[in-house]
Amino acid sequence: MDQTTLFLETSNELRRVFDKGFVSLHLQAGEVVCEQGEHDDRLFILEAGLLEVCVFSVEGRKLSLNLLRPRSVFGEIALFDPGPRTARIEATEASHVRYIRQSSLMEAVKVQPHLAAELLSLAGKRLRWLARQVEEQAFLAPTARLAAKTLFLAGEGGKIAMSQSQLADYVGITREMVSKTLAEWRREEIVSVSRGLIEVLDKDALSSKLDI
């Protein structure tokens, strides 16, 4: 399950509530949707473009967590506990998002209380997804983590438009390890690598690397 699935699994009734209450927001590349630590109460859906999710340590070290693609849902924690954002979300290209504030959504829930159960289910699914990401980061070996992130970021299209340094940020390993591992996979004809682009050629073979 990914962020797009979270939206697609919502009921038509809840989607109508979203459509009625959402506000459009257009972003240029480099613009920040929400900043880590800032208080916010908005739930977002990405309609077009590409967004990066990242966090920063006290020392300023950046760790990229995810790339959000169209139809991704994000920011749902604020619906239940408005407060400081846990990550920065920034547009990596021109993007269009829609958002709804907690107050607007809660007004709809007052009229249709049964929608609260669906919202809780949505949050629960996200928490399970996040738990899997934490387990992957904590327990998979570096090569297996790189395989998992490469498969995830490549998606259905099989291509990742980013540098090896950016990919290293997402995996939490060094750029040198990414370069060495990709070179091995290229010799095995699992991936092809060019400047700013990585393409998965054999998803089954790459999936087998998850067991390393």
N, C-alpha and C. Protein backbone atom coordinates (compact mmCIF):
# COMPACT_ATOMS: atom_id res chain seq x y z
N MET A 1 0.84 -1.20 0.00
CA MET A 1 0.00 0.00 0.00
C MET A 1 0.88 1.24 0.00
N ASP A 2 0.52 2.25 -0.83
CA ASP A 2 1.25 3.51 -0.83
C ASP A 2 0.27 4.66 -0.64
N GLN A 3 0.77 5.89 -0.80
CA GLN A 3 -0.08 7.04 -0.55
C GLN A 3 -1.24 7.14 -1.53
N THR A 4 -1.02 6.75 -2.80
CA THR A 4 -2.09 6.83 -3.78
C THR A 4 -3.19 5.85 -3.42
N THR A 5 -2.83 4.67 -2.92
CA THR A 5 -3.82 3.68 -2.52
C THR A 5 -4.67 4.20 -1.38
N LEU A 6 -4.07 4.94 -0.46
CA LEU A 6 -4.83 5.49 0.66
C LEU A 6 -6.00 6.34 0.16
N PHE A 7 -5.76 7.12 -0.89
CA PHE A 7 -6.84 7.96 -1.41
C PHE A 7 -7.86 7.12 -2.17
N LEU A 8 -7.39 6.19 -2.99
CA LEU A 8 -8.30 5.41 -3.82
C LEU A 8 -9.21 4.53 -2.98
N GLU A 9 -8.79 4.17 -1.75
CA GLU A 9 -9.60 3.30 -0.90
C GLU A 9 -10.67 4.05 -0.12
N THR A 10 -10.68 5.38 -0.20
CA THR A 10 -11.71 6.14 0.49
C THR A 10 -13.04 6.00 -0.24
N SER A 11 -14.15 6.16 0.50
CA SER A 11 -15.47 6.02 -0.10
C SER A 11 -15.82 7.23 -0.95
N ASN A 12 -16.79 7.04 -1.83
CA ASN A 12 -17.25 8.16 -2.66
C ASN A 12 -17.81 9.27 -1.78
N GLU A 13 -18.44 8.91 -0.68
CA GLU A 13 -19.03 9.89 0.23
C GLU A 13 -17.95 10.77 0.84
N LEU A 14 -16.85 10.14 1.29
CA LEU A 14 -15.76 10.92 1.88
C LEU A 14 -15.07 11.75 0.82
N ARG A 15 -14.94 11.23 -0.38
CA ARG A 15 -14.32 12.01 -1.45
C ARG A 15 -15.15 13.24 -1.77
N ARG A 16 -16.48 13.13 -1.72
CA ARG A 16 -17.32 14.31 -1.96
C ARG A 16 -17.10 15.37 -0.90
N VAL A 17 -16.91 14.94 0.35
CA VAL A 17 -16.61 15.89 1.42
C VAL A 17 -15.28 16.59 1.13
N PHE A 18 -14.29 15.78 0.71
CA PHE A 18 -12.99 16.35 0.36
C PHE A 18 -13.14 17.38 -0.77
N ASP A 19 -13.85 16.99 -1.81
CA ASP A 19 -13.97 17.87 -2.98
C ASP A 19 -14.64 19.18 -2.64
N LYS A 20 -15.61 19.12 -1.72
CA LYS A 20 -16.34 20.33 -1.34
C LYS A 20 -15.47 21.26 -0.51
N GLY A 21 -14.63 20.69 0.35
CA GLY A 21 -13.87 21.51 1.28
C GLY A 21 -12.46 21.87 0.87
N PHE A 22 -11.94 21.23 -0.17
CA PHE A 22 -10.55 21.45 -0.53
C PHE A 22 -10.29 22.82 -1.15
N VAL A 23 -9.10 23.33 -0.89
CA VAL A 23 -8.60 24.58 -1.47
C VAL A 23 -7.39 24.24 -2.32
N SER A 24 -7.30 24.84 -3.51
CA SER A 24 -6.20 24.56 -4.42
C SER A 24 -4.98 25.40 -4.09
N LEU A 25 -3.81 24.82 -4.32
CA LEU A 25 -2.56 25.52 -4.08
C LEU A 25 -1.57 25.11 -5.17
N HIS A 26 -1.05 26.07 -5.91
CA HIS A 26 -0.08 25.80 -6.96
C HIS A 26 1.32 26.17 -6.47
N LEU A 27 2.28 25.32 -6.74
CA LEU A 27 3.64 25.49 -6.23
C LEU A 27 4.65 25.46 -7.37
N GLN A 28 5.68 26.25 -7.22
CA GLN A 28 6.82 26.18 -8.13
C GLN A 28 7.88 25.27 -7.53
N ALA A 29 8.77 24.77 -8.36
CA ALA A 29 9.85 23.92 -7.87
C ALA A 29 10.64 24.65 -6.79
N GLY A 30 10.86 23.98 -5.67
CA GLY A 30 11.60 24.57 -4.55
C GLY A 30 10.71 25.16 -3.48
N GLU A 31 9.43 25.37 -3.77
CA GLU A 31 8.53 25.91 -2.75
C GLU A 31 8.19 24.84 -1.71
N VAL A 32 8.07 25.26 -0.46
CA VAL A 32 7.79 24.35 0.64
C VAL A 32 6.29 24.32 0.91
N VAL A 33 5.71 23.13 0.95
CA VAL A 33 4.30 22.98 1.26
C VAL A 33 4.09 23.13 2.76
N CYS A 34 4.88 22.41 3.54
CA CYS A 34 4.85 22.58 4.99
C CYS A 34 6.26 22.32 5.53
N GLU A 35 6.59 23.01 6.60
CA GLU A 35 7.94 22.98 7.15
C GLU A 35 7.98 22.17 8.43
N GLN A 36 9.03 21.39 8.59
CA GLN A 36 9.21 20.60 9.80
C GLN A 36 9.19 21.53 11.03
N GLY A 37 8.36 21.18 12.00
CA GLY A 37 8.28 21.97 13.23
C GLY A 37 7.20 23.03 13.23
N GLU A 38 6.68 23.39 12.05
CA GLU A 38 5.62 24.39 11.99
C GLU A 38 4.27 23.78 12.36
N HIS A 39 3.45 24.55 13.04
CA HIS A 39 2.11 24.08 13.39
C HIS A 39 1.20 24.18 12.17
N ASP A 40 0.41 23.14 11.95
CA ASP A 40 -0.45 23.09 10.77
C ASP A 40 -1.61 22.16 11.06
N ASP A 41 -2.73 22.33 10.34
CA ASP A 41 -3.88 21.45 10.56
C ASP A 41 -4.49 20.99 9.24
N ARG A 42 -3.68 20.95 8.17
CA ARG A 42 -4.21 20.65 6.84
C ARG A 42 -3.92 19.22 6.40
N LEU A 43 -4.89 18.65 5.70
CA LEU A 43 -4.72 17.37 5.00
C LEU A 43 -4.59 17.71 3.52
N PHE A 44 -3.62 17.08 2.84
CA PHE A 44 -3.34 17.40 1.45
C PHE A 44 -3.56 16.20 0.53
N ILE A 45 -3.85 16.52 -0.73
CA ILE A 45 -3.80 15.54 -1.82
C ILE A 45 -2.99 16.18 -2.94
N LEU A 46 -2.01 15.46 -3.45
CA LEU A 46 -1.20 15.94 -4.56
C LEU A 46 -1.91 15.61 -5.86
N GLU A 47 -2.27 16.63 -6.62
CA GLU A 47 -2.97 16.43 -7.88
C GLU A 47 -2.01 16.27 -9.06
N ALA A 48 -0.91 17.02 -9.05
CA ALA A 48 0.05 16.95 -10.15
C ALA A 48 1.41 17.40 -9.63
N GLY A 49 2.48 16.82 -10.20
CA GLY A 49 3.82 17.20 -9.81
C GLY A 49 4.51 16.14 -8.97
N LEU A 50 5.52 16.56 -8.24
CA LEU A 50 6.33 15.64 -7.44
C LEU A 50 6.79 16.38 -6.19
N LEU A 51 6.62 15.76 -5.02
CA LEU A 51 7.00 16.36 -3.75
C LEU A 51 7.99 15.48 -3.02
N GLU A 52 8.93 16.11 -2.33
CA GLU A 52 9.91 15.38 -1.51
C GLU A 52 9.55 15.55 -0.04
N VAL A 53 9.61 14.44 0.68
CA VAL A 53 9.42 14.44 2.14
C VAL A 53 10.77 14.22 2.78
N CYS A 54 11.19 15.11 3.68
CA CYS A 54 12.50 14.97 4.31
C CYS A 54 12.46 15.50 5.73
N VAL A 55 13.41 15.08 6.54
CA VAL A 55 13.55 15.55 7.91
C VAL A 55 14.98 16.03 8.11
N PHE A 56 15.15 16.89 9.12
CA PHE A 56 16.47 17.43 9.43
C PHE A 56 16.79 17.17 10.91
N SER A 57 18.02 16.76 11.16
CA SER A 57 18.47 16.57 12.53
C SER A 57 18.78 17.92 13.16
N VAL A 58 19.05 17.91 14.46
CA VAL A 58 19.42 19.15 15.15
C VAL A 58 20.67 19.76 14.53
N GLU A 59 21.56 18.90 14.05
CA GLU A 59 22.81 19.37 13.44
C GLU A 59 22.61 19.84 12.01
N GLY A 60 21.39 19.69 11.48
CA GLY A 60 21.11 20.14 10.13
C GLY A 60 21.27 19.08 9.07
N ARG A 61 21.54 17.84 9.47
CA ARG A 61 21.69 16.77 8.49
C ARG A 61 20.32 16.40 7.92
N LYS A 62 20.27 16.27 6.60
CA LYS A 62 19.01 15.99 5.92
C LYS A 62 18.88 14.50 5.62
N LEU A 63 17.68 13.96 5.85
CA LEU A 63 17.36 12.60 5.46
C LEU A 63 16.08 12.64 4.65
N SER A 64 16.18 12.28 3.38
CA SER A 64 15.00 12.22 2.51
C SER A 64 14.24 10.93 2.77
N LEU A 65 12.94 11.04 2.99
CA LEU A 65 12.13 9.89 3.36
C LEU A 65 11.31 9.32 2.22
N ASN A 66 10.85 10.19 1.32
CA ASN A 66 9.89 9.71 0.34
C ASN A 66 9.75 10.71 -0.80
N LEU A 67 9.25 10.22 -1.93
CA LEU A 67 8.78 11.05 -3.03
C LEU A 67 7.29 10.81 -3.17
N LEU A 68 6.53 11.89 -3.21
CA LEU A 68 5.08 11.78 -3.34
C LEU A 68 4.69 12.05 -4.78
N ARG A 69 3.88 11.15 -5.33
CA ARG A 69 3.41 11.26 -6.71
C ARG A 69 1.94 11.64 -6.72
N PRO A 70 1.40 12.03 -7.89
CA PRO A 70 -0.01 12.44 -7.96
C PRO A 70 -0.96 11.42 -7.34
N ARG A 71 -1.97 11.94 -6.64
CA ARG A 71 -3.00 11.22 -5.88
C ARG A 71 -2.51 10.77 -4.53
N SER A 72 -1.31 11.19 -4.13
CA SER A 72 -0.83 10.88 -2.79
C SER A 72 -1.58 11.72 -1.75
N VAL A 73 -1.90 11.10 -0.63
CA VAL A 73 -2.49 11.78 0.51
C VAL A 73 -1.40 12.00 1.55
N PHE A 74 -1.32 13.19 2.13
CA PHE A 74 -0.33 13.42 3.18
C PHE A 74 -0.81 14.50 4.14
N GLY A 75 -0.24 14.47 5.34
CA GLY A 75 -0.59 15.46 6.36
C GLY A 75 -1.75 15.05 7.23
N GLU A 76 -2.17 13.76 7.17
CA GLU A 76 -3.38 13.35 7.89
C GLU A 76 -3.22 13.35 9.40
N ILE A 77 -1.98 13.32 9.90
CA ILE A 77 -1.80 13.36 11.36
C ILE A 77 -2.42 14.63 11.95
N ALA A 78 -2.34 15.73 11.19
CA ALA A 78 -2.87 17.00 11.68
C ALA A 78 -4.37 16.98 11.89
N LEU A 79 -5.08 16.05 11.23
CA LEU A 79 -6.52 15.98 11.42
C LEU A 79 -6.87 15.55 12.84
N PHE A 80 -6.03 14.72 13.43
CA PHE A 80 -6.30 14.16 14.75
C PHE A 80 -5.51 14.87 15.85
N ASP A 81 -4.38 15.44 15.48
CA ASP A 81 -3.54 16.10 16.48
C ASP A 81 -2.82 17.28 15.85
N PRO A 82 -3.54 18.39 15.60
CA PRO A 82 -2.88 19.56 15.00
C PRO A 82 -1.69 19.98 15.84
N GLY A 83 -0.58 20.21 15.20
CA GLY A 83 0.63 20.57 15.92
C GLY A 83 1.81 20.64 14.98
N PRO A 84 3.02 20.56 15.52
CA PRO A 84 4.22 20.69 14.68
C PRO A 84 4.29 19.58 13.63
N ARG A 85 4.62 19.97 12.40
CA ARG A 85 4.82 18.99 11.34
C ARG A 85 6.07 18.17 11.64
N THR A 86 6.01 16.89 11.31
CA THR A 86 7.12 15.99 11.60
C THR A 86 8.15 15.96 10.48
N ALA A 87 7.84 16.61 9.35
CA ALA A 87 8.77 16.59 8.21
C ALA A 87 8.54 17.81 7.34
N ARG A 88 9.52 18.11 6.51
CA ARG A 88 9.35 19.14 5.49
C ARG A 88 8.87 18.47 4.21
N ILE A 89 7.94 19.12 3.52
CA ILE A 89 7.48 18.64 2.22
C ILE A 89 7.67 19.77 1.22
N GLU A 90 8.47 19.48 0.19
CA GLU A 90 8.90 20.51 -0.76
C GLU A 90 8.65 20.03 -2.19
N ALA A 91 8.23 20.96 -3.04
CA ALA A 91 8.00 20.63 -4.44
C ALA A 91 9.34 20.50 -5.16
N THR A 92 9.54 19.37 -5.84
CA THR A 92 10.75 19.20 -6.64
C THR A 92 10.53 19.62 -8.09
N GLU A 93 9.27 19.85 -8.44
CA GLU A 93 8.90 20.39 -9.74
C GLU A 93 7.59 21.13 -9.56
N ALA A 94 7.17 21.87 -10.59
CA ALA A 94 5.89 22.58 -10.49
C ALA A 94 4.79 21.59 -10.11
N SER A 95 4.02 21.92 -9.08
CA SER A 95 3.05 20.96 -8.53
C SER A 95 1.75 21.66 -8.17
N HIS A 96 0.70 20.85 -8.12
CA HIS A 96 -0.62 21.34 -7.72
C HIS A 96 -1.13 20.45 -6.60
N VAL A 97 -1.42 21.05 -5.45
CA VAL A 97 -1.99 20.30 -4.33
C VAL A 97 -3.32 20.92 -3.95
N ARG A 98 -4.14 20.12 -3.28
CA ARG A 98 -5.35 20.62 -2.66
C ARG A 98 -5.30 20.27 -1.18
N TYR A 99 -5.88 21.15 -0.36
CA TYR A 99 -5.87 20.87 1.08
C TYR A 99 -7.22 21.21 1.70
N ILE A 100 -7.49 20.55 2.83
CA ILE A 100 -8.68 20.82 3.61
C ILE A 100 -8.24 20.97 5.06
N ARG A 101 -8.78 21.95 5.73
CA ARG A 101 -8.41 22.19 7.13
C ARG A 101 -9.22 21.29 8.06
N GLN A 102 -8.65 21.05 9.22
CA GLN A 102 -9.31 20.18 10.19
C GLN A 102 -10.71 20.68 10.53
N SER A 103 -10.86 21.99 10.69
CA SER A 103 -12.16 22.54 11.07
C SER A 103 -13.23 22.23 10.03
N SER A 104 -12.87 22.31 8.74
CA SER A 104 -13.83 22.02 7.67
C SER A 104 -14.24 20.55 7.68
N LEU A 105 -13.26 19.69 7.88
CA LEU A 105 -13.55 18.26 7.88
C LEU A 105 -14.37 17.86 9.10
N MET A 106 -14.07 18.45 10.25
CA MET A 106 -14.81 18.13 11.45
C MET A 106 -16.27 18.60 11.37
N GLU A 107 -16.52 19.67 10.64
CA GLU A 107 -17.89 20.12 10.43
C GLU A 107 -18.67 19.07 9.65
N ALA A 108 -18.01 18.48 8.65
CA ALA A 108 -18.66 17.43 7.86
C ALA A 108 -18.92 16.20 8.71
N VAL A 109 -17.99 15.88 9.62
CA VAL A 109 -18.16 14.71 10.48
C VAL A 109 -19.33 14.91 11.45
N LYS A 110 -19.55 16.14 11.89
CA LYS A 110 -20.68 16.41 12.78
C LYS A 110 -22.01 16.07 12.10
N VAL A 111 -22.08 16.34 10.80
CA VAL A 111 -23.29 16.06 10.03
C VAL A 111 -23.38 14.57 9.68
N GLN A 112 -22.22 13.96 9.40
CA GLN A 112 -22.16 12.55 9.01
C GLN A 112 -21.17 11.83 9.93
N PRO A 113 -21.55 11.53 11.18
CA PRO A 113 -20.62 10.98 12.17
C PRO A 113 -19.94 9.68 11.73
N HIS A 114 -20.59 8.90 10.87
CA HIS A 114 -20.00 7.63 10.46
C HIS A 114 -18.70 7.82 9.68
N LEU A 115 -18.48 9.04 9.15
CA LEU A 115 -17.25 9.30 8.42
C LEU A 115 -16.02 9.26 9.34
N ALA A 116 -16.26 9.46 10.64
CA ALA A 116 -15.14 9.43 11.59
C ALA A 116 -14.45 8.07 11.58
N ALA A 117 -15.24 7.01 11.48
CA ALA A 117 -14.66 5.66 11.45
C ALA A 117 -13.78 5.47 10.23
N GLU A 118 -14.21 6.02 9.11
CA GLU A 118 -13.40 5.89 7.89
C GLU A 118 -12.10 6.68 8.00
N LEU A 119 -12.17 7.85 8.61
CA LEU A 119 -10.95 8.65 8.81
C LEU A 119 -9.98 7.93 9.73
N LEU A 120 -10.49 7.31 10.77
CA LEU A 120 -9.63 6.54 11.68
C LEU A 120 -8.99 5.36 10.96
N SER A 121 -9.76 4.71 10.10
CA SER A 121 -9.22 3.60 9.31
C SER A 121 -8.11 4.08 8.39
N LEU A 122 -8.32 5.25 7.78
CA LEU A 122 -7.31 5.83 6.90
C LEU A 122 -6.01 6.09 7.67
N ALA A 123 -6.16 6.65 8.89
CA ALA A 123 -4.98 6.92 9.71
C ALA A 123 -4.28 5.63 10.12
N GLY A 124 -5.08 4.60 10.45
CA GLY A 124 -4.49 3.33 10.85
C GLY A 124 -3.68 2.70 9.73
N LYS A 125 -4.20 2.77 8.50
CA LYS A 125 -3.47 2.21 7.36
C LYS A 125 -2.15 2.95 7.16
N ARG A 126 -2.18 4.27 7.35
CA ARG A 126 -0.94 5.04 7.20
C ARG A 126 0.06 4.65 8.28
N LEU A 127 -0.40 4.46 9.50
CA LEU A 127 0.51 4.08 10.58
C LEU A 127 1.17 2.73 10.30
N ARG A 128 0.40 1.79 9.75
CA ARG A 128 1.00 0.51 9.39
C ARG A 128 2.04 0.67 8.29
N TRP A 129 1.74 1.54 7.33
CA TRP A 129 2.70 1.80 6.25
C TRP A 129 3.98 2.42 6.82
N LEU A 130 3.84 3.38 7.74
CA LEU A 130 5.00 4.02 8.34
C LEU A 130 5.80 3.02 9.16
N ALA A 131 5.10 2.11 9.85
CA ALA A 131 5.81 1.10 10.64
C ALA A 131 6.68 0.22 9.75
N ARG A 132 6.16 -0.12 8.57
CA ARG A 132 6.96 -0.93 7.65
C ARG A 132 8.20 -0.18 7.18
N GLN A 133 8.05 1.15 6.97
CA GLN A 133 9.21 1.92 6.55
C GLN A 133 10.28 1.96 7.65
N VAL A 134 9.83 2.09 8.90
CA VAL A 134 10.77 2.11 10.03
C VAL A 134 11.49 0.77 10.15
N GLU A 135 10.74 -0.32 10.03
CA GLU A 135 11.35 -1.65 10.11
C GLU A 135 12.38 -1.84 9.00
N GLU A 136 12.03 -1.38 7.82
CA GLU A 136 12.95 -1.50 6.68
C GLU A 136 14.24 -0.74 6.96
N GLN A 137 14.11 0.48 7.48
CA GLN A 137 15.28 1.30 7.75
C GLN A 137 16.13 0.72 8.87
N ALA A 138 15.47 0.10 9.85
CA ALA A 138 16.19 -0.37 11.03
C ALA A 138 16.81 -1.75 10.85
N PHE A 139 16.15 -2.63 10.11
CA PHE A 139 16.56 -4.02 10.11
C PHE A 139 17.14 -4.55 8.80
N LEU A 140 16.83 -3.91 7.68
CA LEU A 140 17.40 -4.39 6.42
C LEU A 140 18.85 -3.97 6.29
N ALA A 141 19.66 -4.84 5.71
CA ALA A 141 21.05 -4.50 5.42
C ALA A 141 21.08 -3.39 4.37
N PRO A 142 22.16 -2.62 4.29
CA PRO A 142 22.21 -1.49 3.35
C PRO A 142 21.86 -1.85 1.90
N THR A 143 22.39 -2.98 1.41
CA THR A 143 22.09 -3.36 0.02
C THR A 143 20.61 -3.68 -0.15
N ALA A 144 20.03 -4.37 0.82
CA ALA A 144 18.61 -4.69 0.76
C ALA A 144 17.76 -3.42 0.85
N ARG A 145 18.18 -2.47 1.69
CA ARG A 145 17.46 -1.20 1.79
C ARG A 145 17.49 -0.47 0.46
N LEU A 146 18.64 -0.47 -0.19
CA LEU A 146 18.77 0.19 -1.48
C LEU A 146 17.85 -0.48 -2.50
N ALA A 147 17.78 -1.81 -2.49
CA ALA A 147 16.89 -2.51 -3.40
C ALA A 147 15.44 -2.14 -3.14
N ALA A 148 15.04 -2.12 -1.86
CA ALA A 148 13.66 -1.80 -1.51
C ALA A 148 13.28 -0.39 -1.93
N LYS A 149 14.16 0.58 -1.65
CA LYS A 149 13.88 1.96 -2.01
C LYS A 149 13.87 2.15 -3.52
N THR A 150 14.77 1.46 -4.22
CA THR A 150 14.82 1.58 -5.67
C THR A 150 13.52 1.06 -6.29
N LEU A 151 13.04 -0.07 -5.81
CA LEU A 151 11.78 -0.61 -6.31
C LEU A 151 10.62 0.33 -6.01
N PHE A 152 10.60 0.89 -4.79
CA PHE A 152 9.51 1.78 -4.40
C PHE A 152 9.52 3.06 -5.23
N LEU A 153 10.69 3.68 -5.36
CA LEU A 153 10.77 4.95 -6.07
C LEU A 153 10.54 4.79 -7.57
N ALA A 154 10.93 3.64 -8.11
CA ALA A 154 10.76 3.41 -9.54
C ALA A 154 9.29 3.26 -9.92
N GLY A 155 8.49 2.71 -9.00
CA GLY A 155 7.06 2.57 -9.26
C GLY A 155 6.77 1.74 -10.48
N GLU A 156 5.60 1.97 -11.08
CA GLU A 156 5.18 1.19 -12.24
C GLU A 156 6.02 1.51 -13.47
N GLY A 157 6.47 2.76 -13.57
CA GLY A 157 7.24 3.17 -14.75
C GLY A 157 8.65 2.61 -14.80
N GLY A 158 9.17 2.21 -13.63
CA GLY A 158 10.49 1.60 -13.59
C GLY A 158 11.66 2.57 -13.66
N LYS A 159 11.38 3.88 -13.57
CA LYS A 159 12.46 4.86 -13.71
C LYS A 159 12.51 5.79 -12.50
N ILE A 160 13.72 6.18 -12.13
CA ILE A 160 13.93 7.12 -11.04
C ILE A 160 14.76 8.27 -11.58
N ALA A 161 14.17 9.46 -11.61
CA ALA A 161 14.88 10.63 -12.11
C ALA A 161 15.55 11.36 -10.95
N MET A 162 16.69 10.86 -10.51
CA MET A 162 17.44 11.50 -9.44
C MET A 162 18.90 11.07 -9.52
N SER A 163 19.75 11.83 -8.88
CA SER A 163 21.17 11.51 -8.85
C SER A 163 21.44 10.41 -7.83
N GLN A 164 22.63 9.82 -7.93
CA GLN A 164 23.01 8.80 -6.96
C GLN A 164 23.15 9.40 -5.56
N SER A 165 23.56 10.65 -5.47
CA SER A 165 23.65 11.32 -4.17
C SER A 165 22.28 11.47 -3.54
N GLN A 166 21.27 11.84 -4.35
CA GLN A 166 19.91 11.95 -3.83
C GLN A 166 19.38 10.60 -3.38
N LEU A 167 19.67 9.56 -4.16
CA LEU A 167 19.23 8.22 -3.79
C LEU A 167 19.87 7.80 -2.47
N ALA A 168 21.15 8.15 -2.30
CA ALA A 168 21.83 7.83 -1.04
C ALA A 168 21.13 8.49 0.14
N ASP A 169 20.63 9.72 -0.05
CA ASP A 169 19.89 10.40 1.01
C ASP A 169 18.64 9.62 1.40
N TYR A 170 17.95 9.08 0.41
CA TYR A 170 16.72 8.35 0.68
C TYR A 170 16.98 7.04 1.41
N VAL A 171 18.08 6.40 1.08
CA VAL A 171 18.37 5.10 1.66
C VAL A 171 19.07 5.22 3.01
N GLY A 172 19.77 6.34 3.21
CA GLY A 172 20.53 6.52 4.44
C GLY A 172 21.87 5.83 4.42
N ILE A 173 22.49 5.74 3.23
CA ILE A 173 23.83 5.16 3.09
C ILE A 173 24.68 6.13 2.31
N THR A 174 25.96 5.82 2.14
CA THR A 174 26.86 6.74 1.45
C THR A 174 26.65 6.68 -0.06
N ARG A 175 27.02 7.76 -0.71
CA ARG A 175 26.94 7.81 -2.16
C ARG A 175 27.87 6.77 -2.78
N GLU A 176 29.00 6.54 -2.13
CA GLU A 176 29.96 5.57 -2.65
C GLU A 176 29.35 4.15 -2.67
N MET A 177 28.62 3.81 -1.60
CA MET A 177 27.98 2.49 -1.57
C MET A 177 26.91 2.37 -2.64
N VAL A 178 26.14 3.45 -2.84
CA VAL A 178 25.13 3.44 -3.90
C VAL A 178 25.78 3.23 -5.25
N SER A 179 26.86 3.97 -5.52
CA SER A 179 27.55 3.84 -6.80
C SER A 179 28.09 2.43 -7.01
N LYS A 180 28.73 1.87 -5.99
CA LYS A 180 29.30 0.52 -6.10
C LYS A 180 28.21 -0.53 -6.33
N THR A 181 27.10 -0.42 -5.58
CA THR A 181 26.03 -1.40 -5.70
C THR A 181 25.33 -1.29 -7.05
N LEU A 182 25.06 -0.07 -7.50
CA LEU A 182 24.43 0.11 -8.81
C LEU A 182 25.31 -0.43 -9.92
N ALA A 183 26.63 -0.26 -9.78
CA ALA A 183 27.55 -0.79 -10.78
C ALA A 183 27.46 -2.31 -10.86
N GLU A 184 27.33 -2.96 -9.70
CA GLU A 184 27.17 -4.42 -9.67
C GLU A 184 25.86 -4.83 -10.33
N TRP A 185 24.79 -4.11 -10.00
CA TRP A 185 23.49 -4.45 -10.58
C TRP A 185 23.46 -4.17 -12.08
N ARG A 186 24.20 -3.18 -12.51
CA ARG A 186 24.26 -2.90 -13.95
C ARG A 186 24.96 -4.03 -14.68
N ARG A 187 26.03 -4.58 -14.09
CA ARG A 187 26.73 -5.71 -14.71
C ARG A 187 25.82 -6.94 -14.77
N GLU A 188 24.93 -7.07 -13.79
CA GLU A 188 23.98 -8.18 -13.78
C GLU A 188 22.75 -7.88 -14.63
N GLU A 189 22.72 -6.71 -15.27
CA GLU A 189 21.61 -6.27 -16.13
C GLU A 189 20.29 -6.17 -15.37
N ILE A 190 20.41 -5.76 -14.11
CA ILE A 190 19.22 -5.53 -13.29
C ILE A 190 18.75 -4.09 -13.45
N VAL A 191 19.70 -3.17 -13.59
CA VAL A 191 19.37 -1.75 -13.79
C VAL A 191 20.24 -1.17 -14.90
N SER A 192 19.80 -0.05 -15.41
CA SER A 192 20.66 0.77 -16.26
C SER A 192 20.81 2.12 -15.57
N VAL A 193 21.97 2.71 -15.71
CA VAL A 193 22.27 3.95 -15.00
C VAL A 193 22.83 4.97 -15.98
N SER A 194 22.24 6.15 -15.99
CA SER A 194 22.77 7.27 -16.77
C SER A 194 22.71 8.51 -15.90
N ARG A 195 23.19 9.60 -16.39
CA ARG A 195 23.24 10.82 -15.58
C ARG A 195 21.84 11.26 -15.16
N GLY A 196 21.59 11.23 -13.85
CA GLY A 196 20.32 11.68 -13.31
C GLY A 196 19.16 10.75 -13.55
N LEU A 197 19.42 9.50 -13.99
CA LEU A 197 18.33 8.57 -14.27
C LEU A 197 18.76 7.14 -13.97
N ILE A 198 17.93 6.44 -13.22
CA ILE A 198 18.14 5.02 -12.93
C ILE A 198 16.89 4.28 -13.40
N GLU A 199 17.08 3.22 -14.19
CA GLU A 199 15.95 2.46 -14.71
C GLU A 199 16.07 1.00 -14.26
N VAL A 200 14.99 0.48 -13.69
CA VAL A 200 14.96 -0.92 -13.28
C VAL A 200 14.60 -1.77 -14.49
N LEU A 201 15.48 -2.69 -14.85
CA LEU A 201 15.28 -3.56 -16.00
C LEU A 201 14.68 -4.91 -15.62
N ASP A 202 14.97 -5.36 -14.42
CA ASP A 202 14.52 -6.68 -13.98
C ASP A 202 14.04 -6.58 -12.53
N LYS A 203 12.73 -6.36 -12.35
CA LYS A 203 12.18 -6.17 -11.01
C LYS A 203 12.29 -7.44 -10.16
N ASP A 204 12.13 -8.60 -10.78
CA ASP A 204 12.23 -9.84 -10.02
C ASP A 204 13.63 -10.04 -9.46
N ALA A 205 14.63 -9.77 -10.30
CA ALA A 205 16.01 -9.92 -9.84
C ALA A 205 16.33 -8.91 -8.74
N LEU A 206 15.79 -7.71 -8.87
CA LEU A 206 16.03 -6.69 -7.84
C LEU A 206 15.32 -7.08 -6.55
N SER A 207 14.13 -7.65 -6.67
CA SER A 207 13.38 -8.09 -5.48
C SER A 207 14.15 -9.16 -4.73
N SER A 208 14.91 -9.97 -5.45
CA SER A 208 15.68 -11.02 -4.78
C SER A 208 16.77 -10.44 -3.89
N LYS A 209 17.15 -9.20 -4.14
CA LYS A 209 18.18 -8.56 -3.33
C LYS A 209 17.66 -8.17 -1.94
N LEU A 210 16.34 -8.24 -1.76
CA LEU A 210 15.76 -7.90 -0.46
C LEU A 210 16.12 -8.94 0.60
N ASP A 211 16.55 -10.10 0.17
CA ASP A 211 16.88 -11.17 1.11
C ASP A 211 18.33 -11.12 1.58
N ILE A 212 19.09 -10.19 1.04
CA ILE A 212 20.52 -10.13 1.38
C ILE A 212 20.69 -9.58 2.79
